[in-house]
PDB file of N, CA and C in Angstrom:
ATOM      1  N   MET A   1     -89.094 103.424 133.260  1.00  0.00           N
ATOM      2  CA  MET A   1     -89.877 103.773 132.100  1.00  0.00           C
ATOM      3  C   MET A   1     -91.368 103.657 132.391  1.00  0.00           C
ATOM      4  N   LYS A   2     -91.726 102.703 133.242  1.00  0.00           N
ATOM      5  CA  LYS A   2     -93.145 102.490 133.528  1.00  0.00           C
ATOM      6  C   LYS A   2     -93.802 103.727 134.123  1.00  0.00           C
ATOM      7  N   ASN A   3     -93.063 104.488 134.914  1.00  0.00           N
ATOM      8  CA  ASN A   3     -93.622 105.684 135.550  1.00  0.00           C
ATOM      9  C   ASN A   3     -93.925 106.793 134.545  1.00  0.00           C
ATOM     10  N   ALA A   4     -93.332 106.715 133.374  1.00  0.00           N
ATOM     11  CA  ALA A   4     -93.496 107.777 132.376  1.00  0.00           C
ATOM     12  C   ALA A   4     -94.690 107.554 131.451  1.00  0.00           C
ATOM     13  N   VAL A   5     -95.282 106.375 131.508  1.00  0.00           N
ATOM     14  CA  VAL A   5     -96.423 106.081 130.639  1.00  0.00           C
ATOM     15  C   VAL A   5     -97.651 105.772 131.500  1.00  0.00           C
ATOM     16  N   PRO A   6     -98.841 105.887 130.929  1.00  0.00           N
ATOM     17  CA  PRO A   6    -100.048 105.558 131.695  1.00  0.00           C
ATOM     18  C   PRO A   6    -100.006 104.120 132.217  1.00  0.00           C
ATOM     19  N   ALA A   7    -100.668 103.888 133.337  1.00  0.00           N
ATOM     20  CA  ALA A   7    -100.659 102.567 133.979  1.00  0.00           C
ATOM     21  C   ALA A   7    -101.194 101.474 133.078  1.00  0.00           C
ATOM     22  N   THR A   8    -102.062 101.828 132.163  1.00  0.00           N
ATOM     23  CA  THR A   8    -102.659 100.830 131.268  1.00  0.00           C
ATOM     24  C   THR A   8    -101.776 100.504 130.069  1.00  0.00           C
ATOM     25  N   SER A   9    -100.688 101.220 129.911  1.00  0.00           N
ATOM     26  CA  SER A   9     -99.788 101.008 128.771  1.00  0.00           C
ATOM     27  C   SER A   9     -98.766  99.927 129.076  1.00  0.00           C
ATOM     28  N   LYS A  10     -98.247  99.338 128.016  1.00  0.00           N
ATOM     29  CA  LYS A  10     -97.178  98.353 128.143  1.00  0.00           C
ATOM     30  C   LYS A  10     -95.995  98.817 127.292  1.00  0.00           C
ATOM     31  N   ILE A  11     -94.823  98.410 127.705  1.00  0.00           N
ATOM     32  CA  ILE A  11     -93.603  98.758 126.968  1.00  0.00           C
ATOM     33  C   ILE A  11     -92.992  97.457 126.466  1.00  0.00           C
ATOM     34  N   SER A  12     -92.787  97.375 125.169  1.00  0.00           N
ATOM     35  CA  SER A  12     -92.244  96.141 124.591  1.00  0.00           C
ATOM     36  C   SER A  12     -90.780  95.958 124.989  1.00  0.00           C
ATOM     37  N   LYS A  13     -90.346  94.720 124.921  1.00  0.00           N
ATOM     38  CA  LYS A  13     -88.950  94.392 125.210  1.00  0.00           C
ATOM     39  C   LYS A  13     -88.025  95.133 124.247  1.00  0.00           C
ATOM     40  N   GLU A  14     -88.422  95.220 122.980  1.00  0.00           N
ATOM     41  CA  GLU A  14     -87.615  95.910 121.976  1.00  0.00           C
ATOM     42  C   GLU A  14     -87.480  97.396 122.294  1.00  0.00           C
ATOM     43  N   ALA A  15     -88.570  98.008 122.778  1.00  0.00           N
ATOM     44  CA  ALA A  15     -88.514  99.427 123.136  1.00  0.00           C
ATOM     45  C   ALA A  15     -87.577  99.644 124.313  1.00  0.00           C
ATOM     46  N   LYS A  16     -87.641  98.770 125.300  1.00  0.00           N
ATOM     47  CA  LYS A  16     -86.750  98.877 126.460  1.00  0.00           C
ATOM     48  C   LYS A  16     -85.291  98.741 126.031  1.00  0.00           C
ATOM     49  N   GLU A  17     -85.034  97.793 125.142  1.00  0.00           N
ATOM     50  CA  GLU A  17     -83.668  97.593 124.652  1.00  0.00           C
ATOM     51  C   GLU A  17     -83.186  98.799 123.856  1.00  0.00           C
ATOM     52  N   ALA A  18     -84.064  99.394 123.059  1.00  0.00           N
ATOM     53  CA  ALA A  18     -83.699 100.573 122.265  1.00  0.00           C
ATOM     54  C   ALA A  18     -83.347 101.745 123.174  1.00  0.00           C
ATOM     55  N   VAL A  19     -84.132 101.949 124.215  1.00  0.00           N
ATOM     56  CA  VAL A  19     -83.853 103.033 125.162  1.00  0.00           C
ATOM     57  C   VAL A  19     -82.534 102.762 125.875  1.00  0.00           C
ATOM     58  N   GLN A  20     -82.297 101.514 126.281  1.00  0.00           N
ATOM     59  CA  GLN A  20     -81.040 101.167 126.946  1.00  0.00           C
ATOM     60  C   GLN A  20     -79.849 101.446 126.029  1.00  0.00           C
ATOM     61  N   GLU A  21     -79.973 101.124 124.758  1.00  0.00           N
ATOM     62  CA  GLU A  21     -78.895 101.391 123.798  1.00  0.00           C
ATOM     63  C   GLU A  21     -78.645 102.895 123.663  1.00  0.00           C
ATOM     64  N   CYS A  22     -79.710 103.670 123.603  1.00  0.00           N
ATOM     65  CA  CYS A  22     -79.568 105.130 123.506  1.00  0.00           C
ATOM     66  C   CYS A  22     -78.873 105.698 124.742  1.00  0.00           C
ATOM     67  N   ILE A  23     -79.254 105.203 125.905  1.00  0.00           N
ATOM     68  CA  ILE A  23     -78.643 105.670 127.150  1.00  0.00           C
ATOM     69  C   ILE A  23     -77.160 105.319 127.168  1.00  0.00           C
ATOM     70  N   SER A  24     -76.839 104.115 126.745  1.00  0.00           N
ATOM     71  CA  SER A  24     -75.428 103.705 126.703  1.00  0.00           C
ATOM     72  C   SER A  24     -74.618 104.595 125.770  1.00  0.00           C
ATOM     73  N   GLU A  25     -75.171 104.907 124.606  1.00  0.00           N
ATOM     74  CA  GLU A  25     -74.481 105.780 123.653  1.00  0.00           C
ATOM     75  C   GLU A  25     -74.321 107.197 124.213  1.00  0.00           C
ATOM     76  N   PHE A  26     -75.352 107.674 124.879  1.00  0.00           N
ATOM     77  CA  PHE A  26     -75.317 109.009 125.493  1.00  0.00           C
ATOM     78  C   PHE A  26     -74.199 109.091 126.530  1.00  0.00           C
ATOM     79  N   ILE A  27     -74.130 108.091 127.399  1.00  0.00           N
ATOM     80  CA  ILE A  27     -73.088 108.047 128.431  1.00  0.00           C
ATOM     81  C   ILE A  27     -71.708 107.964 127.786  1.00  0.00           C
ATOM     82  N   SER A  28     -71.583 107.148 126.760  1.00  0.00           N
ATOM     83  CA  SER A  28     -70.306 107.007 126.060  1.00  0.00           C
ATOM     84  C   SER A  28     -69.876 108.323 125.416  1.00  0.00           C
ATOM     85  N   PHE A  29     -70.816 109.027 124.831  1.00  0.00           N
ATOM     86  CA  PHE A  29     -70.553 110.310 124.176  1.00  0.00           C
ATOM     87  C   PHE A  29     -70.000 111.326 125.172  1.00  0.00           C
ATOM     88  N   ILE A  30     -70.652 111.446 126.313  1.00  0.00           N
ATOM     89  CA  ILE A  30     -70.205 112.393 127.346  1.00  0.00           C
ATOM     90  C   ILE A  30     -68.866 111.955 127.933  1.00  0.00           C
ATOM     91  N   THR A  31     -68.738 110.661 128.195  1.00  0.00           N
ATOM     92  CA  THR A  31     -67.502 110.145 128.781  1.00  0.00           C
ATOM     93  C   THR A  31     -66.314 110.355 127.846  1.00  0.00           C
ATOM     94  N   SER A  32     -66.531 110.208 126.548  1.00  0.00           N
ATOM     95  CA  SER A  32     -65.450 110.423 125.577  1.00  0.00           C
ATOM     96  C   SER A  32     -64.939 111.859 125.626  1.00  0.00           C
ATOM     97  N   GLU A  33     -65.867 112.808 125.711  1.00  0.00           N
ATOM     98  CA  GLU A  33     -65.460 114.217 125.812  1.00  0.00           C
ATOM     99  C   GLU A  33     -64.701 114.475 127.111  1.00  0.00           C
ATOM    100  N   ALA A  34     -65.190 113.904 128.202  1.00  0.00           N
ATOM    101  CA  ALA A  34     -64.523 114.086 129.499  1.00  0.00           C
ATOM    102  C   ALA A  34     -63.133 113.444 129.481  1.00  0.00           C
ATOM    103  N   ALA A  35     -63.023 112.278 128.868  1.00  0.00           N
ATOM    104  CA  ALA A  35     -61.736 111.579 128.784  1.00  0.00           C
ATOM    105  C   ALA A  35     -60.736 112.375 127.949  1.00  0.00           C
ATOM    106  N   GLU A  36     -61.226 113.007 126.896  1.00  0.00           N
ATOM    107  CA  GLU A  36     -60.347 113.828 126.058  1.00  0.00           C
ATOM    108  C   GLU A  36     -59.771 114.996 126.864  1.00  0.00           C
ATOM    109  N   LYS A  37     -60.606 115.622 127.692  1.00  0.00           N
ATOM    110  CA  LYS A  37     -60.142 116.721 128.543  1.00  0.00           C
ATOM    111  C   LYS A  37     -59.065 116.216 129.510  1.00  0.00           C
ATOM    112  N   CYS A  38     -59.308 115.064 130.108  1.00  0.00           N
ATOM    113  CA  CYS A  38     -58.322 114.495 131.033  1.00  0.00           C
ATOM    114  C   CYS A  38     -57.018 114.165 130.310  1.00  0.00           C
ATOM    115  N   HIS A  39     -57.130 113.631 129.125  1.00  0.00           N
ATOM    116  CA  HIS A  39     -55.940 113.301 128.345  1.00  0.00           C
ATOM    117  C   HIS A  39     -55.138 114.565 128.033  1.00  0.00           C
ATOM    118  N   ASP A  40     -55.832 115.625 127.625  1.00  0.00           N
ATOM    119  CA  ASP A  40     -55.164 116.891 127.324  1.00  0.00           C
ATOM    120  C   ASP A  40     -54.448 117.453 128.537  1.00  0.00           C
ATOM    121  N   GLU A  41     -55.009 117.190 129.724  1.00  0.00           N
ATOM    122  CA  GLU A  41     -54.424 117.686 130.969  1.00  0.00           C
ATOM    123  C   GLU A  41     -53.499 116.654 131.621  1.00  0.00           C
ATOM    124  N   LYS A  42     -53.241 115.574 130.901  1.00  0.00           N
ATOM    125  CA  LYS A  42     -52.352 114.503 131.347  1.00  0.00           C
ATOM    126  C   LYS A  42     -52.790 113.899 132.687  1.00  0.00           C
ATOM    127  N   ARG A  43     -54.096 113.671 132.784  1.00  0.00           N
ATOM    128  CA  ARG A  43     -54.666 113.011 133.959  1.00  0.00           C
ATOM    129  C   ARG A  43     -55.280 111.694 133.526  1.00  0.00           C
ATOM    130  N   LYS A  44     -55.336 110.735 134.457  1.00  0.00           N
ATOM    131  CA  LYS A  44     -55.878 109.417 134.131  1.00  0.00           C
ATOM    132  C   LYS A  44     -57.290 109.200 134.650  1.00  0.00           C
ATOM    133  N   THR A  45     -57.721 110.011 135.586  1.00  0.00           N
ATOM    134  CA  THR A  45     -59.017 109.800 136.226  1.00  0.00           C
ATOM    135  C   THR A  45     -60.014 110.873 135.806  1.00  0.00           C
ATOM    136  N   ILE A  46     -61.188 110.428 135.359  1.00  0.00           N
ATOM    137  CA  ILE A  46     -62.274 111.346 135.012  1.00  0.00           C
ATOM    138  C   ILE A  46     -63.046 111.646 136.288  1.00  0.00           C
ATOM    139  N   GLY A  47     -63.208 112.923 136.583  1.00  0.00           N
ATOM    140  CA  GLY A  47     -63.951 113.341 137.768  1.00  0.00           C
ATOM    141  C   GLY A  47     -65.294 113.940 137.391  1.00  0.00           C
ATOM    142  N   GLY A  48     -66.075 114.234 138.408  1.00  0.00           N
ATOM    143  CA  GLY A  48     -67.390 114.817 138.191  1.00  0.00           C
ATOM    144  C   GLY A  48     -67.340 116.119 137.421  1.00  0.00           C
ATOM    145  N   GLU A  49     -66.356 116.950 137.731  1.00  0.00           N
ATOM    146  CA  GLU A  49     -66.233 118.235 137.029  1.00  0.00           C
ATOM    147  C   GLU A  49     -65.918 118.038 135.547  1.00  0.00           C
ATOM    148  N   ASP A  50     -65.184 116.984 135.238  1.00  0.00           N
ATOM    149  CA  ASP A  50     -64.873 116.683 133.837  1.00  0.00           C
ATOM    150  C   ASP A  50     -66.136 116.326 133.063  1.00  0.00           C
ATOM    151  N   VAL A  51     -67.009 115.565 133.696  1.00  0.00           N
ATOM    152  CA  VAL A  51     -68.275 115.195 133.067  1.00  0.00           C
ATOM    153  C   VAL A  51     -69.138 116.444 132.860  1.00  0.00           C
ATOM    154  N   LEU A  52     -69.177 117.316 133.857  1.00  0.00           N
ATOM    155  CA  LEU A  52     -69.958 118.548 133.732  1.00  0.00           C
ATOM    156  C   LEU A  52     -69.404 119.435 132.625  1.00  0.00           C
ATOM    157  N   TYR A  53     -68.090 119.523 132.529  1.00  0.00           N
ATOM    158  CA  TYR A  53     -67.448 120.301 131.473  1.00  0.00           C
ATOM    159  C   TYR A  53     -67.827 119.736 130.096  1.00  0.00           C
ATOM    160  N   ALA A  54     -67.789 118.404 129.977  1.00  0.00           N
ATOM    161  CA  ALA A  54     -68.140 117.758 128.709  1.00  0.00           C
ATOM    162  C   ALA A  54     -69.597 118.057 128.346  1.00  0.00           C
ATOM    163  N   MET A  55     -70.463 118.042 129.335  1.00  0.00           N
ATOM    164  CA  MET A  55     -71.876 118.326 129.073  1.00  0.00           C
ATOM    165  C   MET A  55     -72.057 119.757 128.575  1.00  0.00           C
ATOM    166  N   MET A  56     -71.295 120.694 129.136  1.00  0.00           N
ATOM    167  CA  MET A  56     -71.349 122.084 128.659  1.00  0.00           C
ATOM    168  C   MET A  56     -70.905 122.156 127.193  1.00  0.00           C
ATOM    169  N   LEU A  57     -69.803 121.492 126.886  1.00  0.00           N
ATOM    170  CA  LEU A  57     -69.286 121.499 125.515  1.00  0.00           C
ATOM    171  C   LEU A  57     -70.289 120.914 124.524  1.00  0.00           C
ATOM    172  N   LEU A  58     -71.047 119.944 124.976  1.00  0.00           N
ATOM    173  CA  LEU A  58     -71.980 119.238 124.093  1.00  0.00           C
ATOM    174  C   LEU A  58     -73.353 119.897 124.037  1.00  0.00           C
ATOM    175  N   GLY A  59     -73.475 121.070 124.671  1.00  0.00           N
ATOM    176  CA  GLY A  59     -74.739 121.800 124.596  1.00  0.00           C
ATOM    177  C   GLY A  59     -75.792 121.349 125.579  1.00  0.00           C
ATOM    178  N   LEU A  60     -75.378 120.688 126.643  1.00  0.00           N
ATOM    179  CA  LEU A  60     -76.320 120.193 127.646  1.00  0.00           C
ATOM    180  C   LEU A  60     -76.258 121.035 128.918  1.00  0.00           C
ATOM    181  N   GLU A  61     -76.035 122.343 128.743  1.00  0.00           N
ATOM    182  CA  GLU A  61     -75.835 123.222 129.895  1.00  0.00           C
ATOM    183  C   GLU A  61     -77.018 123.288 130.851  1.00  0.00           C
ATOM    184  N   GLN A  62     -78.231 123.004 130.384  1.00  0.00           N
ATOM    185  CA  GLN A  62     -79.401 123.071 131.261  1.00  0.00           C
ATOM    186  C   GLN A  62     -79.343 122.005 132.360  1.00  0.00           C
ATOM    187  N   TYR A  63     -78.528 120.973 132.170  1.00  0.00           N
ATOM    188  CA  TYR A  63     -78.408 119.916 133.169  1.00  0.00           C
ATOM    189  C   TYR A  63     -77.236 120.132 134.123  1.00  0.00           C
ATOM    190  N   VAL A  64     -76.330 121.017 133.775  1.00  0.00           N
ATOM    191  CA  VAL A  64     -75.104 121.165 134.539  1.00  0.00           C
ATOM    192  C   VAL A  64     -75.350 121.694 135.952  1.00  0.00           C
ATOM    193  N   GLU A  65     -76.130 122.742 136.099  1.00  0.00           N
ATOM    194  CA  GLU A  65     -76.348 123.318 137.436  1.00  0.00           C
ATOM    195  C   GLU A  65     -77.013 122.327 138.393  1.00  0.00           C
ATOM    196  N   PRO A  66     -78.095 121.639 137.996  1.00  0.00           N
ATOM    197  CA  PRO A  66     -78.674 120.643 138.909  1.00  0.00           C
ATOM    198  C   PRO A  66     -77.686 119.528 139.263  1.00  0.00           C
ATOM    199  N   LEU A  67     -76.855 119.137 138.300  1.00  0.00           N
ATOM    200  CA  LEU A  67     -75.880 118.092 138.576  1.00  0.00           C
ATOM    201  C   LEU A  67     -74.756 118.584 139.485  1.00  0.00           C
ATOM    202  N   LYS A  68     -74.390 119.854 139.385  1.00  0.00           N
ATOM    203  CA  LYS A  68     -73.408 120.425 140.314  1.00  0.00           C
ATOM    204  C   LYS A  68     -73.928 120.350 141.744  1.00  0.00           C
ATOM    205  N   ILE A  69     -75.195 120.671 141.914  1.00  0.00           N
ATOM    206  CA  ILE A  69     -75.814 120.616 143.239  1.00  0.00           C
ATOM    207  C   ILE A  69     -75.813 119.185 143.756  1.00  0.00           C
ATOM    208  N   HIS A  70     -76.190 118.252 142.908  1.00  0.00           N
ATOM    209  CA  HIS A  70     -76.215 116.839 143.298  1.00  0.00           C
ATOM    210  C   HIS A  70     -74.812 116.348 143.657  1.00  0.00           C
ATOM    211  N   LEU A  71     -73.827 116.720 142.867  1.00  0.00           N
ATOM    212  CA  LEU A  71     -72.443 116.326 143.126  1.00  0.00           C
ATOM    213  C   LEU A  71     -71.968 116.861 144.476  1.00  0.00           C
ATOM    214  N   ALA A  72     -72.302 118.105 144.780  1.00  0.00           N
ATOM    215  CA  ALA A  72     -71.925 118.689 146.070  1.00  0.00           C
ATOM    216  C   ALA A  72     -72.591 117.938 147.221  1.00  0.00           C
ATOM    217  N   LYS A  73     -73.858 117.571 147.059  1.00  0.00           N
ATOM    218  CA  LYS A  73     -74.562 116.824 148.107  1.00  0.00           C
ATOM    219  C   LYS A  73     -73.933 115.443 148.301  1.00  0.00           C
ATOM    220  N   MET A  74     -73.592 114.788 147.201  1.00  0.00           N
ATOM    221  CA  MET A  74     -72.949 113.473 147.309  1.00  0.00           C
ATOM    222  C   MET A  74     -71.622 113.573 148.051  1.00  0.00           C
ATOM    223  N   ARG A  75     -70.872 114.604 147.753  1.00  0.00           N
ATOM    224  CA  ARG A  75     -69.580 114.777 148.434  1.00  0.00           C
ATOM    225  C   ARG A  75     -69.765 115.075 149.917  1.00  0.00           C
ATOM    226  N   THR A  76     -70.798 115.824 150.237  1.00  0.00           N
ATOM    227  CA  THR A  76     -71.093 116.111 151.639  1.00  0.00           C
ATOM    228  C   THR A  76     -71.429 114.823 152.373  1.00  0.00           C
ATOM    229  N   VAL A  77     -72.262 113.999 151.773  1.00  0.00           N
ATOM    230  CA  VAL A  77     -72.633 112.732 152.398  1.00  0.00           C
ATOM    231  C   VAL A  77     -71.411 111.836 152.557  1.00  0.00           C
ATOM    232  N   ARG A  78     -70.557 111.796 151.562  1.00  0.00           N
ATOM    233  CA  ARG A  78     -69.334 110.983 151.644  1.00  0.00           C
ATOM    234  C   ARG A  78     -68.470 111.450 152.817  1.00  0.00           C
ATOM    235  N   THR A  79     -68.328 112.743 152.967  1.00  0.00           N
ATOM    236  CA  THR A  79     -67.542 113.292 154.073  1.00  0.00           C
ATOM    237  C   THR A  79     -68.190 112.944 155.414  1.00  0.00           C
ATOM    238  N   LEU A  80     -69.504 113.088 155.486  1.00  0.00           N
ATOM    239  CA  LEU A  80     -70.209 112.771 156.725  1.00  0.00           C
ATOM    240  C   LEU A  80     -70.092 111.295 157.070  1.00  0.00           C
ATOM    241  N   ARG A  81     -70.100 110.439 156.073  1.00  0.00           N
ATOM    242  CA  ARG A  81     -69.936 109.006 156.309  1.00  0.00           C
ATOM    243  C   ARG A  81     -68.588 108.723 156.956  1.00  0.00           C
ATOM    244  N   LEU A  82     -67.570 109.416 156.491  1.00  0.00           N
ATOM    245  CA  LEU A  82     -66.240 109.215 157.056  1.00  0.00           C
ATOM    246  C   LEU A  82     -66.172 109.709 158.496  1.00  0.00           C
ATOM    247  N   LEU A  83     -66.879 110.800 158.775  1.00  0.00           N
ATOM    248  CA  LEU A  83     -66.853 111.377 160.120  1.00  0.00           C
ATOM    249  C   LEU A  83     -67.737 110.628 161.106  1.00  0.00           C
ATOM    250  N   SER A  84     -68.919 110.222 160.655  1.00  0.00           N
ATOM    251  CA  SER A  84     -69.880 109.599 161.566  1.00  0.00           C
ATOM    252  C   SER A  84     -70.846 108.696 160.802  1.00  0.00           C
ATOM    253  N   PRO A  85     -70.460 107.472 160.534  1.00  0.00           N
ATOM    254  CA  PRO A  85     -71.299 106.570 159.736  1.00  0.00           C
ATOM    255  C   PRO A  85     -72.699 106.343 160.305  1.00  0.00           C
ATOM    256  N   ARG A  86     -72.864 106.386 161.620  1.00  0.00           N
ATOM    257  CA  ARG A  86     -74.168 106.107 162.224  1.00  0.00           C
ATOM    258  C   ARG A  86     -75.182 107.216 162.010  1.00  0.00           C
ATOM    259  N   SER A  87     -74.731 108.440 161.883  1.00  0.00           N
ATOM    260  CA  SER A  87     -75.673 109.551 161.789  1.00  0.00           C
ATOM    261  C   SER A  87     -75.939 110.011 160.356  1.00  0.00           C
ATOM    262  N   VAL A  88     -75.373 109.334 159.377  1.00  0.00           N
ATOM    263  CA  VAL A  88     -75.537 109.749 157.984  1.00  0.00           C
ATOM    264  C   VAL A  88     -76.997 109.725 157.563  1.00  0.00           C
ATOM    265  N   GLY A  89     -77.776 108.761 158.040  1.00  0.00           N
ATOM    266  CA  GLY A  89     -79.184 108.676 157.674  1.00  0.00           C
ATOM    267  C   GLY A  89     -79.941 109.956 157.960  1.00  0.00           C
ATOM    268  N   LEU A  90     -79.631 110.607 159.054  1.00  0.00           N
ATOM    269  CA  LEU A  90     -80.277 111.872 159.382  1.00  0.00           C
ATOM    270  C   LEU A  90     -79.887 112.958 158.387  1.00  0.00           C
ATOM    271  N   TYR A  91     -78.663 112.947 157.937  1.00  0.00           N
ATOM    272  CA  TYR A  91     -78.206 113.949 156.984  1.00  0.00           C
ATOM    273  C   TYR A  91     -78.806 113.728 155.601  1.00  0.00           C
ATOM    274  N   TYR A  92     -79.065 112.468 155.242  1.00  0.00           N
ATOM    275  CA  TYR A  92     -79.729 112.193 153.973  1.00  0.00           C
ATOM    276  C   TYR A  92     -81.027 112.977 153.883  1.00  0.00           C
ATOM    277  N   ILE A  93     -81.804 112.911 154.950  1.00  0.00           N
ATOM    278  CA  ILE A  93     -83.090 113.607 154.974  1.00  0.00           C
ATOM    279  C   ILE A  93     -82.874 115.114 154.901  1.00  0.00           C
ATOM    280  N   GLY A  94     -81.946 115.632 155.686  1.00  0.00           N
ATOM    281  CA  GLY A  94     -81.676 117.071 155.712  1.00  0.00           C
ATOM    282  C   GLY A  94     -81.179 117.620 154.388  1.00  0.00           C
ATOM    283  N   LEU A  95     -80.466 116.797 153.623  1.00  0.00           N
ATOM    284  CA  LEU A  95     -79.928 117.238 152.332  1.00  0.00           C
ATOM    285  C   LEU A  95     -80.879 116.938 151.175  1.00  0.00           C
ATOM    286  N   GLY A  96     -81.984 116.293 151.477  1.00  0.00           N
ATOM    287  CA  GLY A  96     -82.920 115.965 150.412  1.00  0.00           C
ATOM    288  C   GLY A  96     -82.451 114.822 149.536  1.00  0.00           C
ATOM    289  N   LEU A  97     -81.643 113.928 150.081  1.00  0.00           N
ATOM    290  CA  LEU A  97     -81.087 112.836 149.290  1.00  0.00           C
ATOM    291  C   LEU A  97     -81.860 111.532 149.466  1.00  0.00           C
ATOM    292  N   VAL A  98     -82.920 111.539 150.220  1.00  0.00           N
ATOM    293  CA  VAL A  98     -83.702 110.330 150.423  1.00  0.00           C
ATOM    294  C   VAL A  98     -84.262 109.869 149.079  1.00  0.00           C
ATOM    295  N   GLY A  99     -84.114 108.600 148.819  1.00  0.00           N
ATOM    296  CA  GLY A  99     -84.646 108.038 147.583  1.00  0.00           C
ATOM    297  C   GLY A  99     -83.710 108.143 146.397  1.00  0.00           C
ATOM    298  N   LEU A 100     -82.510 108.657 146.594  1.00  0.00           N
ATOM    299  CA  LEU A 100     -81.572 108.765 145.475  1.00  0.00           C
ATOM    300  C   LEU A 100     -80.617 107.570 145.425  1.00  0.00           C
ATOM    301  N   GLY A 101     -80.779 106.647 146.353  1.00  0.00           N
ATOM    302  CA  GLY A 101     -79.938 105.446 146.339  1.00  0.00           C
ATOM    303  C   GLY A 101     -78.537 105.683 146.830  1.00  0.00           C
ATOM    304  N   LEU A 102     -78.348 106.700 147.638  1.00  0.00           N
ATOM    305  CA  LEU A 102     -77.005 106.964 148.160  1.00  0.00           C
ATOM    306  C   LEU A 102     -76.816 106.297 149.486  1.00  0.00           C
TER     307      LEU A 102
END
């Protein structure tokens, strides 16, 4: 949150807690839709595609394409880790994943 406001600004503890509550509700809202899709399809595990589908249903389509790209990159890195754990760092840079905490 600090990066979104001027350096001279302060964010109260109450404001941080309010934003955290909103984020939690947002995640719960999307997860509920994804879980419903899985239930309808008689599956127990929510996958990335289920979350993207839920976001489309909820009118958040502008976020779906960037998240599809990110999901594909994460899967590529996971595969590369299995194939060659030592060289994954080089692939992080090549895929533009540096700084994403992967």
